[in-house]
Amino acid sequence: MRSIILQTASRYLLPILLLFSFFLLLRGHYHPGGGFVGGLVASIAFVLHSFAFGTDETMVLIQRKPLSLIPMGLSIAALSMVLPMFFGAPLMTGMWFAYDIPVIGAVGTSLFFDIGVYLVVIGVVLTILFTISKSTH
């Protein structure tokens, strides 16, 4: 049974929750938040959409299998860890660009690590939940 109230709420909440998850992602290397929490909030947004419209419509909205986000996120996180070694610094050393970016602030390897974690969390949570959803039908 589909609820028109949940569908209407989901249409408004999805972009708001995704924007909030992006805010948490960017805030993470200065204050509490980061890739894990931001990824959970983004996953919740897509799960809410899935409750309202069904898993198949949410998969169309995402435009790719959530499982494909996991290796992308792991690659970005791994690259951010080894990148300092190419500049003569130890593994996992935080490196920062010389200039701050407006609104975002200082950008460095920790932000890219958080982006990788963000993608991995979204991929894992949605893969698990969508697999469970598909198997119960």
Protein backbone atom coordinates (compact mmCIF):
# COMPACT_ATOMS: atom_id res chain seq x y z
CA MET A 1 0.00 0.00 0.00
CA ARG A 2 1.41 3.36 -1.01
CA SER A 3 0.71 6.41 1.11
CA ILE A 4 0.21 9.71 -0.70
CA ILE A 5 1.27 11.54 2.46
CA LEU A 6 4.58 9.62 2.66
CA GLN A 7 5.19 10.13 -1.06
CA THR A 8 4.61 13.88 -0.79
CA ALA A 9 6.78 14.16 2.31
CA SER A 10 9.51 12.10 0.65
CA ARG A 11 9.62 14.42 -2.37
CA TYR A 12 10.44 17.34 -0.05
CA LEU A 13 12.58 15.50 2.48
CA LEU A 14 14.90 13.73 0.02
CA PRO A 15 16.72 16.87 -1.20
CA ILE A 16 16.76 18.37 2.30
CA LEU A 17 18.26 15.22 3.83
CA LEU A 18 20.82 14.92 1.03
CA LEU A 19 21.84 18.53 1.52
CA PHE A 20 22.14 17.96 5.27
CA SER A 21 24.25 14.84 4.66
CA PHE A 22 26.56 16.87 2.42
CA PHE A 23 26.79 19.52 5.15
CA LEU A 24 27.75 16.84 7.68
CA LEU A 25 30.34 15.47 5.26
CA LEU A 26 32.01 18.86 4.79
CA ARG A 27 31.80 19.74 8.48
CA GLY A 28 33.47 16.52 9.56
CA HIS A 29 37.13 17.41 9.46
CA TYR A 30 36.61 20.45 11.70
CA HIS A 31 33.75 19.41 14.01
CA PRO A 32 31.69 16.28 14.76
CA GLY A 33 30.28 14.74 11.64
CA GLY A 34 32.09 13.46 8.60
CA GLY A 35 31.76 10.73 6.06
CA PHE A 36 30.19 8.08 8.28
CA VAL A 37 27.41 10.22 9.72
CA GLY A 38 26.81 11.99 6.41
CA GLY A 39 26.60 8.63 4.63
CA LEU A 40 24.05 7.37 7.14
CA VAL A 41 21.87 10.44 6.65
CA ALA A 42 22.07 10.09 2.86
CA SER A 43 21.16 6.41 3.17
CA ILE A 44 18.17 7.31 5.33
CA ALA A 45 17.02 9.73 2.63
CA PHE A 46 17.05 6.99 -0.01
CA VAL A 47 15.43 4.45 2.34
CA LEU A 48 12.62 6.93 3.00
CA HIS A 49 12.19 7.31 -0.77
CA SER A 50 12.17 3.53 -1.07
CA PHE A 51 9.43 3.23 1.55
CA ALA A 52 7.33 5.79 -0.30
CA PHE A 53 7.87 4.75 -3.92
CA GLY A 54 9.37 1.27 -3.86
CA THR A 55 12.90 -0.03 -4.24
CA ASP A 56 12.79 -0.16 -8.03
CA GLU A 57 11.95 3.55 -8.37
CA THR A 58 14.68 4.43 -5.87
CA MET A 59 17.20 2.41 -7.88
CA VAL A 60 16.18 4.41 -10.96
CA LEU A 61 16.69 7.62 -8.97
CA ILE A 62 20.18 6.57 -7.84
CA GLN A 63 21.06 5.52 -11.43
CA ARG A 64 23.54 2.85 -10.33
CA LYS A 65 23.69 -0.15 -8.08
CA PRO A 66 24.63 0.84 -4.53
CA LEU A 67 27.17 -2.00 -4.53
CA SER A 68 29.22 -0.06 -7.10
CA LEU A 69 29.71 2.79 -4.61
CA ILE A 70 31.75 0.60 -2.28
CA PRO A 71 34.86 0.12 -4.49
CA MET A 72 34.68 3.76 -5.60
CA GLY A 73 34.69 4.92 -1.97
CA LEU A 74 37.45 2.51 -0.98
CA SER A 75 39.59 3.72 -3.89
CA ILE A 76 39.16 7.39 -2.94
CA ALA A 77 39.92 6.67 0.72
CA ALA A 78 42.97 4.55 -0.15
CA LEU A 79 44.27 7.20 -2.54
CA SER A 80 43.95 9.87 0.15
CA MET A 81 45.96 7.67 2.50
CA VAL A 82 48.87 6.97 0.12
CA LEU A 83 48.98 10.36 -1.62
CA PRO A 84 51.32 11.91 1.00
CA MET A 85 53.91 9.20 0.26
CA PHE A 86 54.36 10.67 -3.24
CA PHE A 87 55.42 13.93 -1.59
CA GLY A 88 57.86 12.32 0.82
CA ALA A 89 55.52 12.30 3.83
CA PRO A 90 54.57 9.22 5.87
CA LEU A 91 51.47 7.18 5.09
CA MET A 92 48.19 8.81 6.25
CA THR A 93 49.76 12.23 6.82
CA GLY A 94 47.25 15.04 6.50
CA MET A 95 48.07 17.31 3.56
CA TRP A 96 46.24 20.56 2.83
CA PHE A 97 45.91 22.75 -0.23
CA ALA A 98 47.53 26.16 0.16
CA TYR A 99 44.32 28.13 -0.37
CA ASP A 100 40.94 27.78 1.29
CA ILE A 101 37.86 27.26 -0.86
CA PRO A 102 34.95 29.58 -0.07
CA VAL A 103 32.15 27.94 1.94
CA ILE A 104 34.09 24.65 2.26
CA GLY A 105 37.23 26.01 3.91
CA ALA A 106 40.54 24.16 3.93
CA VAL A 107 40.64 21.13 1.65
CA GLY A 108 43.00 18.29 2.30
CA THR A 109 43.42 14.56 2.30
CA SER A 110 41.12 14.15 5.30
CA LEU A 111 38.21 15.52 3.26
CA PHE A 112 38.90 13.03 0.48
CA PHE A 113 39.10 10.23 3.05
CA ASP A 114 35.72 11.35 4.39
CA ILE A 115 34.28 11.36 0.86
CA GLY A 116 35.47 7.78 0.43
CA VAL A 117 33.89 6.74 3.74
CA TYR A 118 30.68 8.58 2.73
CA LEU A 119 30.41 6.54 -0.48
CA VAL A 120 31.24 3.26 1.25
CA VAL A 121 28.61 3.80 3.95
CA ILE A 122 25.91 4.67 1.39
CA GLY A 123 26.88 1.64 -0.70
CA VAL A 124 26.89 -0.81 2.21
CA VAL A 125 23.68 0.40 3.87
CA LEU A 126 21.66 0.59 0.65
CA THR A 127 22.99 -2.74 -0.64
CA ILE A 128 21.96 -4.48 2.57
CA LEU A 129 18.55 -2.82 2.83
CA PHE A 130 17.66 -3.13 -0.85
CA THR A 131 18.74 -6.79 -0.87
CA ILE A 132 16.50 -7.48 2.12
CA SER A 133 13.67 -5.53 0.48
CA LYS A 134 13.96 -7.50 -2.78
CA SER A 135 14.11 -10.87 -1.00
CA THR A 136 10.90 -10.26 0.96
CA HIS A 137 8.80 -9.72 -2.18
